[in-house]
PDB file of N, CA and C in Angstrom:
ATOM      1  N   MET A   1       3.049  17.303  -4.569  1.00  0.00           N
ATOM      2  CA  MET A   1       3.442  16.586  -3.378  1.00  0.00           C
ATOM      3  C   MET A   1       4.584  15.624  -3.716  1.00  0.00           C
ATOM      4  N   THR A   2       5.627  15.659  -2.939  1.00  0.00           N
ATOM      5  CA  THR A   2       6.745  14.745  -3.115  1.00  0.00           C
ATOM      6  C   THR A   2       6.368  13.380  -2.553  1.00  0.00           C
ATOM      7  N   ALA A   3       6.744  12.346  -3.264  1.00  0.00           N
ATOM      8  CA  ALA A   3       6.501  10.973  -2.818  1.00  0.00           C
ATOM      9  C   ALA A   3       7.763  10.159  -3.076  1.00  0.00           C
ATOM     10  N   TYR A   4       7.881   9.051  -2.379  1.00  0.00           N
ATOM     11  CA  TYR A   4       9.086   8.230  -2.447  1.00  0.00           C
ATOM     12  C   TYR A   4       8.732   6.761  -2.637  1.00  0.00           C
ATOM     13  N   ALA A   5       9.555   6.073  -3.417  1.00  0.00           N
ATOM     14  CA  ALA A   5       9.556   4.615  -3.459  1.00  0.00           C
ATOM     15  C   ALA A   5      10.806   4.216  -2.686  1.00  0.00           C
ATOM     16  N   TYR A   6      10.700   3.163  -1.881  1.00  0.00           N
ATOM     17  CA  TYR A   6      11.826   2.837  -1.008  1.00  0.00           C
ATOM     18  C   TYR A   6      11.997   1.339  -0.851  1.00  0.00           C
ATOM     19  N   ILE A   7      13.180   0.973  -0.366  1.00  0.00           N
ATOM     20  CA  ILE A   7      13.486  -0.409   0.004  1.00  0.00           C
ATOM     21  C   ILE A   7      14.051  -0.378   1.414  1.00  0.00           C
ATOM     22  N   VAL A   8      13.477  -1.204   2.290  1.00  0.00           N
ATOM     23  CA  VAL A   8      14.040  -1.381   3.625  1.00  0.00           C
ATOM     24  C   VAL A   8      14.569  -2.804   3.739  1.00  0.00           C
ATOM     25  N   GLU A   9      15.573  -2.954   4.579  1.00  0.00           N
ATOM     26  CA  GLU A   9      16.096  -4.285   4.882  1.00  0.00           C
ATOM     27  C   GLU A   9      15.576  -4.682   6.253  1.00  0.00           C
ATOM     28  N   CYS A  10      14.977  -5.838   6.331  1.00  0.00           N
ATOM     29  CA  CYS A  10      14.440  -6.344   7.596  1.00  0.00           C
ATOM     30  C   CYS A  10      15.557  -7.020   8.398  1.00  0.00           C
ATOM     31  N   ALA A  11      15.296  -7.250   9.675  1.00  0.00           N
ATOM     32  CA  ALA A  11      16.282  -7.857  10.565  1.00  0.00           C
ATOM     33  C   ALA A  11      16.736  -9.233  10.078  1.00  0.00           C
ATOM     34  N   ASP A  12      15.860  -9.940   9.364  1.00  0.00           N
ATOM     35  CA  ASP A  12      16.230 -11.271   8.856  1.00  0.00           C
ATOM     36  C   ASP A  12      16.948 -11.216   7.512  1.00  0.00           C
ATOM     37  N   GLY A  13      17.252  -9.985   7.033  1.00  0.00           N
ATOM     38  CA  GLY A  13      17.988  -9.839   5.782  1.00  0.00           C
ATOM     39  C   GLY A  13      17.124  -9.734   4.549  1.00  0.00           C
ATOM     40  N   THR A  14      15.813  -9.928   4.688  1.00  0.00           N
ATOM     41  CA  THR A  14      14.933  -9.805   3.530  1.00  0.00           C
ATOM     42  C   THR A  14      14.712  -8.330   3.210  1.00  0.00           C
ATOM     43  N   LEU A  15      14.266  -8.075   1.986  1.00  0.00           N
ATOM     44  CA  LEU A  15      14.031  -6.713   1.522  1.00  0.00           C
ATOM     45  C   LEU A  15      12.542  -6.491   1.304  1.00  0.00           C
ATOM     46  N   TYR A  16      12.072  -5.299   1.657  1.00  0.00           N
ATOM     47  CA  TYR A  16      10.673  -4.933   1.479  1.00  0.00           C
ATOM     48  C   TYR A  16      10.624  -3.607   0.731  1.00  0.00           C
ATOM     49  N   SER A  17       9.766  -3.503  -0.265  1.00  0.00           N
ATOM     50  CA  SER A  17       9.609  -2.275  -1.043  1.00  0.00           C
ATOM     51  C   SER A  17       8.253  -1.653  -0.761  1.00  0.00           C
ATOM     52  N   GLY A  18       8.223  -0.328  -0.751  1.00  0.00           N
ATOM     53  CA  GLY A  18       6.972   0.372  -0.524  1.00  0.00           C
ATOM     54  C   GLY A  18       7.040   1.783  -1.086  1.00  0.00           C
ATOM     55  N   TRP A  19       6.011   2.582  -0.783  1.00  0.00           N
ATOM     56  CA  TRP A  19       6.004   3.981  -1.185  1.00  0.00           C
ATOM     57  C   TRP A  19       5.421   4.798  -0.029  1.00  0.00           C
ATOM     58  N   THR A  20       5.766   6.074   0.013  1.00  0.00           N
ATOM     59  CA  THR A  20       5.285   6.956   1.067  1.00  0.00           C
ATOM     60  C   THR A  20       5.474   8.404   0.652  1.00  0.00           C
ATOM     61  N   ASN A  21       4.860   9.313   1.392  1.00  0.00           N
ATOM     62  CA  ASN A  21       5.125  10.732   1.172  1.00  0.00           C
ATOM     63  C   ASN A  21       5.964  11.306   2.310  1.00  0.00           C
ATOM     64  N   ASP A  22       6.347  10.463   3.297  1.00  0.00           N
ATOM     65  CA  ASP A  22       7.192  10.882   4.416  1.00  0.00           C
ATOM     66  C   ASP A  22       8.065   9.701   4.833  1.00  0.00           C
ATOM     67  N   LEU A  23       9.306   9.688   4.364  1.00  0.00           N
ATOM     68  CA  LEU A  23      10.200   8.548   4.600  1.00  0.00           C
ATOM     69  C   LEU A  23      10.461   8.300   6.080  1.00  0.00           C
ATOM     70  N   GLU A  24      10.830   9.338   6.817  1.00  0.00           N
ATOM     71  CA  GLU A  24      11.156   9.157   8.232  1.00  0.00           C
ATOM     72  C   GLU A  24       9.969   8.598   9.008  1.00  0.00           C
ATOM     73  N   LYS A  25       8.807   9.154   8.752  1.00  0.00           N
ATOM     74  CA  LYS A  25       7.596   8.703   9.446  1.00  0.00           C
ATOM     75  C   LYS A  25       7.260   7.258   9.086  1.00  0.00           C
ATOM     76  N   ARG A  26       7.435   6.902   7.823  1.00  0.00           N
ATOM     77  CA  ARG A  26       7.102   5.540   7.376  1.00  0.00           C
ATOM     78  C   ARG A  26       8.053   4.518   7.975  1.00  0.00           C
ATOM     79  N   VAL A  27       9.353   4.807   7.987  1.00  0.00           N
ATOM     80  CA  VAL A  27      10.316   3.869   8.575  1.00  0.00           C
ATOM     81  C   VAL A  27      10.047   3.730  10.073  1.00  0.00           C
ATOM     82  N   ALA A  28       9.729   4.849  10.729  1.00  0.00           N
ATOM     83  CA  ALA A  28       9.383   4.797  12.156  1.00  0.00           C
ATOM     84  C   ALA A  28       8.135   3.947  12.373  1.00  0.00           C
ATOM     85  N   ALA A  29       7.156   4.066  11.490  1.00  0.00           N
ATOM     86  CA  ALA A  29       5.932   3.260  11.599  1.00  0.00           C
ATOM     87  C   ALA A  29       6.253   1.779  11.435  1.00  0.00           C
ATOM     88  N   HIS A  30       7.100   1.452  10.467  1.00  0.00           N
ATOM     89  CA  HIS A  30       7.513   0.049  10.296  1.00  0.00           C
ATOM     90  C   HIS A  30       8.142  -0.451  11.600  1.00  0.00           C
ATOM     91  N   ASN A  31       9.072   0.327  12.154  1.00  0.00           N
ATOM     92  CA  ASN A  31       9.791  -0.109  13.351  1.00  0.00           C
ATOM     93  C   ASN A  31       8.932  -0.115  14.608  1.00  0.00           C
ATOM     94  N   ALA A  32       7.808   0.578  14.583  1.00  0.00           N
ATOM     95  CA  ALA A  32       6.874   0.560  15.711  1.00  0.00           C
ATOM     96  C   ALA A  32       5.851  -0.567  15.563  1.00  0.00           C
ATOM     97  N   GLY A  33       5.987  -1.374  14.504  1.00  0.00           N
ATOM     98  CA  GLY A  33       5.059  -2.474  14.278  1.00  0.00           C
ATOM     99  C   GLY A  33       3.754  -2.021  13.653  1.00  0.00           C
ATOM    100  N   GLN A  34       3.731  -0.802  13.109  1.00  0.00           N
ATOM    101  CA  GLN A  34       2.520  -0.260  12.506  1.00  0.00           C
ATOM    102  C   GLN A  34       2.621  -0.169  10.995  1.00  0.00           C
ATOM    103  N   GLY A  35       3.666  -0.769  10.437  1.00  0.00           N
ATOM    104  CA  GLY A  35       3.848  -0.748   8.996  1.00  0.00           C
ATOM    105  C   GLY A  35       3.185  -1.952   8.365  1.00  0.00           C
ATOM    106  N   ALA A  36       3.753  -2.401   7.301  1.00  0.00           N
ATOM    107  CA  ALA A  36       3.215  -3.545   6.567  1.00  0.00           C
ATOM    108  C   ALA A  36       3.261  -4.814   7.416  1.00  0.00           C
ATOM    109  N   LYS A  37       2.309  -5.681   7.187  1.00  0.00           N
ATOM    110  CA  LYS A  37       2.250  -6.951   7.906  1.00  0.00           C
ATOM    111  C   LYS A  37       3.552  -7.734   7.732  1.00  0.00           C
ATOM    112  N   TYR A  38       4.127  -7.661   6.538  1.00  0.00           N
ATOM    113  CA  TYR A  38       5.371  -8.389   6.256  1.00  0.00           C
ATOM    114  C   TYR A  38       6.486  -7.966   7.202  1.00  0.00           C
ATOM    115  N   THR A  39       6.612  -6.658   7.440  1.00  0.00           N
ATOM    116  CA  THR A  39       7.736  -6.170   8.244  1.00  0.00           C
ATOM    117  C   THR A  39       7.507  -6.337   9.745  1.00  0.00           C
ATOM    118  N   ARG A  40       6.274  -6.444  10.182  1.00  0.00           N
ATOM    119  CA  ARG A  40       5.978  -6.533  11.625  1.00  0.00           C
ATOM    120  C   ARG A  40       6.692  -7.691  12.301  1.00  0.00           C
ATOM    121  N   ALA A  41       6.836  -8.791  11.606  1.00  0.00           N
ATOM    122  CA  ALA A  41       7.485  -9.973  12.176  1.00  0.00           C
ATOM    123  C   ALA A  41       8.989  -9.991  11.914  1.00  0.00           C
ATOM    124  N   ARG A  42       9.510  -8.928  11.311  1.00  0.00           N
ATOM    125  CA  ARG A  42      10.919  -8.914  10.901  1.00  0.00           C
ATOM    126  C   ARG A  42      11.619  -7.632  11.351  1.00  0.00           C
ATOM    127  N   LEU A  43      11.279  -7.156  12.521  1.00  0.00           N
ATOM    128  CA  LEU A  43      11.812  -5.886  13.020  1.00  0.00           C
ATOM    129  C   LEU A  43      13.184  -6.066  13.647  1.00  0.00           C
ATOM    130  N   PRO A  44      14.011  -5.036  13.653  1.00  0.00           N
ATOM    131  CA  PRO A  44      13.769  -3.716  13.077  1.00  0.00           C
ATOM    132  C   PRO A  44      14.099  -3.695  11.581  1.00  0.00           C
ATOM    133  N   VAL A  45      13.635  -2.649  10.920  1.00  0.00           N
ATOM    134  CA  VAL A  45      13.973  -2.452   9.511  1.00  0.00           C
ATOM    135  C   VAL A  45      14.918  -1.261   9.394  1.00  0.00           C
ATOM    136  N   LYS A  46      15.671  -1.253   8.308  1.00  0.00           N
ATOM    137  CA  LYS A  46      16.615  -0.164   8.050  1.00  0.00           C
ATOM    138  C   LYS A  46      16.399   0.324   6.621  1.00  0.00           C
ATOM    139  N   LEU A  47      16.239   1.617   6.452  1.00  0.00           N
ATOM    140  CA  LEU A  47      16.089   2.189   5.112  1.00  0.00           C
ATOM    141  C   LEU A  47      17.390   1.988   4.352  1.00  0.00           C
ATOM    142  N   ARG A  48      17.304   1.349   3.197  1.00  0.00           N
ATOM    143  CA  ARG A  48      18.508   1.063   2.407  1.00  0.00           C
ATOM    144  C   ARG A  48      18.548   1.830   1.095  1.00  0.00           C
ATOM    145  N   TYR A  49      17.361   2.207   0.555  1.00  0.00           N
ATOM    146  CA  TYR A  49      17.335   2.836  -0.766  1.00  0.00           C
ATOM    147  C   TYR A  49      16.023   3.590  -0.928  1.00  0.00           C
ATOM    148  N   TYR A  50      16.086   4.722  -1.610  1.00  0.00           N
ATOM    149  CA  TYR A  50      14.847   5.418  -1.960  1.00  0.00           C
ATOM    150  C   TYR A  50      15.036   6.252  -3.212  1.00  0.00           C
ATOM    151  N   GLU A  51      13.924   6.533  -3.869  1.00  0.00           N
ATOM    152  CA  GLU A  51      13.876   7.418  -5.031  1.00  0.00           C
ATOM    153  C   GLU A  51      12.763   8.429  -4.779  1.00  0.00           C
ATOM    154  N   GLU A  52      12.979   9.662  -5.198  1.00  0.00           N
ATOM    155  CA  GLU A  52      12.012  10.738  -4.999  1.00  0.00           C
ATOM    156  C   GLU A  52      11.233  10.990  -6.287  1.00  0.00           C
ATOM    157  N   PHE A  53       9.922  11.241  -6.149  1.00  0.00           N
ATOM    158  CA  PHE A  53       9.051  11.490  -7.291  1.00  0.00           C
ATOM    159  C   PHE A  53       8.182  12.712  -7.039  1.00  0.00           C
ATOM    160  N   GLY A  54       7.665  13.261  -8.108  1.00  0.00           N
ATOM    161  CA  GLY A  54       6.842  14.449  -8.021  1.00  0.00           C
ATOM    162  C   GLY A  54       5.430  14.205  -7.543  1.00  0.00           C
ATOM    163  N   ASP A  55       4.961  12.974  -7.680  1.00  0.00           N
ATOM    164  CA  ASP A  55       3.610  12.681  -7.198  1.00  0.00           C
ATOM    165  C   ASP A  55       3.465  11.213  -6.788  1.00  0.00           C
ATOM    166  N   LYS A  56       2.377  10.953  -6.105  1.00  0.00           N
ATOM    167  CA  LYS A  56       2.075   9.631  -5.551  1.00  0.00           C
ATOM    168  C   LYS A  56       1.995   8.544  -6.619  1.00  0.00           C
ATOM    169  N   ASN A  57       1.377   8.851  -7.750  1.00  0.00           N
ATOM    170  CA  ASN A  57       1.205   7.832  -8.792  1.00  0.00           C
ATOM    171  C   ASN A  57       2.531   7.340  -9.338  1.00  0.00           C
ATOM    172  N   GLU A  58       3.481   8.254  -9.526  1.00  0.00           N
ATOM    173  CA  GLU A  58       4.807   7.844 -10.006  1.00  0.00           C
ATOM    174  C   GLU A  58       5.485   6.935  -8.983  1.00  0.00           C
ATOM    175  N   ALA A  59       5.405   7.316  -7.715  1.00  0.00           N
ATOM    176  CA  ALA A  59       6.025   6.514  -6.659  1.00  0.00           C
ATOM    177  C   ALA A  59       5.383   5.135  -6.575  1.00  0.00           C
ATOM    178  N   MET A  60       4.071   5.081  -6.723  1.00  0.00           N
ATOM    179  CA  MET A  60       3.371   3.792  -6.672  1.00  0.00           C
ATOM    180  C   MET A  60       3.761   2.902  -7.846  1.00  0.00           C
ATOM    181  N   ARG A  61       3.919   3.493  -9.020  1.00  0.00           N
ATOM    182  CA  ARG A  61       4.360   2.709 -10.187  1.00  0.00           C
ATOM    183  C   ARG A  61       5.767   2.159  -9.958  1.00  0.00           C
ATOM    184  N   ARG A  62       6.644   2.990  -9.388  1.00  0.00           N
ATOM    185  CA  ARG A  62       8.011   2.540  -9.139  1.00  0.00           C
ATOM    186  C   ARG A  62       8.037   1.452  -8.065  1.00  0.00           C
ATOM    187  N   GLU A  63       7.180   1.597  -7.052  1.00  0.00           N
ATOM    188  CA  GLU A  63       7.095   0.562  -6.020  1.00  0.00           C
ATOM    189  C   GLU A  63       6.745  -0.783  -6.658  1.00  0.00           C
ATOM    190  N   CYS A  64       5.771  -0.792  -7.551  1.00  0.00           N
ATOM    191  CA  CYS A  64       5.386  -2.033  -8.233  1.00  0.00           C
ATOM    192  C   CYS A  64       6.562  -2.613  -9.014  1.00  0.00           C
ATOM    193  N   ALA A  65       7.303  -1.739  -9.681  1.00  0.00           N
ATOM    194  CA  ALA A  65       8.472  -2.196 -10.439  1.00  0.00           C
ATOM    195  C   ALA A  65       9.541  -2.752  -9.502  1.00  0.00           C
ATOM    196  N   LEU A  66       9.760  -2.098  -8.367  1.00  0.00           N
ATOM    197  CA  LEU A  66      10.755  -2.579  -7.401  1.00  0.00           C
ATOM    198  C   LEU A  66      10.356  -3.946  -6.857  1.00  0.00           C
ATOM    199  N   LYS A  67       9.092  -4.140  -6.570  1.00  0.00           N
ATOM    200  CA  LYS A  67       8.622  -5.414  -6.034  1.00  0.00           C
ATOM    201  C   LYS A  67       8.853  -6.570  -7.013  1.00  0.00           C
ATOM    202  N   ARG A  68       8.829  -6.260  -8.303  1.00  0.00           N
ATOM    203  CA  ARG A  68       9.026  -7.305  -9.322  1.00  0.00           C
ATOM    204  C   ARG A  68      10.495  -7.632  -9.568  1.00  0.00           C
ATOM    205  N   LEU A  69      11.399  -6.787  -9.114  1.00  0.00           N
ATOM    206  CA  LEU A  69      12.824  -7.027  -9.335  1.00  0.00           C
ATOM    207  C   LEU A  69      13.312  -8.218  -8.519  1.00  0.00           C
ATOM    208  N   PRO A  70      14.239  -8.983  -9.074  1.00  0.00           N
ATOM    209  CA  PRO A  70      14.848 -10.049  -8.268  1.00  0.00           C
ATOM    210  C   PRO A  70      15.740  -9.427  -7.185  1.00  0.00           C
ATOM    211  N   ARG A  71      15.996 -10.180  -6.157  1.00  0.00           N
ATOM    212  CA  ARG A  71      16.801  -9.697  -5.035  1.00  0.00           C
ATOM    213  C   ARG A  71      18.140  -9.122  -5.492  1.00  0.00           C
ATOM    214  N   ALA A  72      18.804  -9.787  -6.411  1.00  0.00           N
ATOM    215  CA  ALA A  72      20.116  -9.320  -6.875  1.00  0.00           C
ATOM    216  C   ALA A  72      20.024  -7.917  -7.474  1.00  0.00           C
ATOM    217  N   ALA A  73      18.974  -7.642  -8.208  1.00  0.00           N
ATOM    218  CA  ALA A  73      18.797  -6.314  -8.807  1.00  0.00           C
ATOM    219  C   ALA A  73      18.528  -5.267  -7.732  1.00  0.00           C
ATOM    220  N   LYS A  74      17.775  -5.632  -6.711  1.00  0.00           N
ATOM    221  CA  LYS A  74      17.523  -4.708  -5.599  1.00  0.00           C
ATOM    222  C   LYS A  74      18.827  -4.393  -4.866  1.00  0.00           C
ATOM    223  N   LEU A  75      19.633  -5.417  -4.633  1.00  0.00           N
ATOM    224  CA  LEU A  75      20.918  -5.205  -3.956  1.00  0.00           C
ATOM    225  C   LEU A  75      21.842  -4.319  -4.788  1.00  0.00           C
ATOM    226  N   GLU A  76      21.776  -4.474  -6.100  1.00  0.00           N
ATOM    227  CA  GLU A  76      22.577  -3.623  -6.979  1.00  0.00           C
ATOM    228  C   GLU A  76      22.120  -2.165  -6.881  1.00  0.00           C
ATOM    229  N   LEU A  77      20.826  -1.929  -6.857  1.00  0.00           N
ATOM    230  CA  LEU A  77      20.303  -0.569  -6.674  1.00  0.00           C
ATOM    231  C   LEU A  77      20.791   0.020  -5.355  1.00  0.00           C
ATOM    232  N   ILE A  78      20.723  -0.768  -4.297  1.00  0.00           N
ATOM    233  CA  ILE A  78      21.168  -0.309  -2.988  1.00  0.00           C
ATOM    234  C   ILE A  78      22.636   0.061  -3.039  1.00  0.00           C
ATOM    235  N   GLU A  79      23.454  -0.785  -3.626  1.00  0.00           N
ATOM    236  CA  GLU A  79      24.897  -0.529  -3.700  1.00  0.00           C
ATOM    237  C   GLU A  79      25.205   0.710  -4.529  1.00  0.00           C
ATOM    238  N   ARG A  80      24.526   0.868  -5.663  1.00  0.00           N
ATOM    239  CA  ARG A  80      24.760   2.051  -6.500  1.00  0.00           C
ATOM    240  C   ARG A  80      24.276   3.333  -5.838  1.00  0.00           C
ATOM    241  N   GLY A  81      23.260   3.204  -4.990  1.00  0.00           N
ATOM    242  CA  GLY A  81      22.700   4.380  -4.334  1.00  0.00           C
ATOM    243  C   GLY A  81      23.495   4.869  -3.144  1.00  0.00           C
ATOM    244  N   LYS A  82      24.468   4.076  -2.678  1.00  0.00           N
ATOM    245  CA  LYS A  82      25.296   4.490  -1.529  1.00  0.00           C
ATOM    246  C   LYS A  82      26.206   5.628  -1.937  1.00  0.00           C
ATOM    247  N   LYS A  83      26.382   6.528  -1.014  1.00  0.00           N
ATOM    248  CA  LYS A  83      27.246   7.680  -1.285  1.00  0.00           C
ATOM    249  C   LYS A  83      28.534   7.579  -0.511  1.00  0.00           C
TER     250      LYS A  83
END
């Protein structure tokens, strides 16, 4: 099963990291107010960065690592990930 670690940018400019097995559905859930409690008060969110993994455990480990990164490092990942 493919899984993803991701970063969304909230309307207030803050960044939120998470994991999912369906990116489109998860971002839609965040924007419908059904995502994380953190994002519910900061709508809408925009997907800014993601990484693909072969299984849920890898994505969850990466999510934990992303959450520990300082904001500047997250912004650098986002910038490098732009095409």
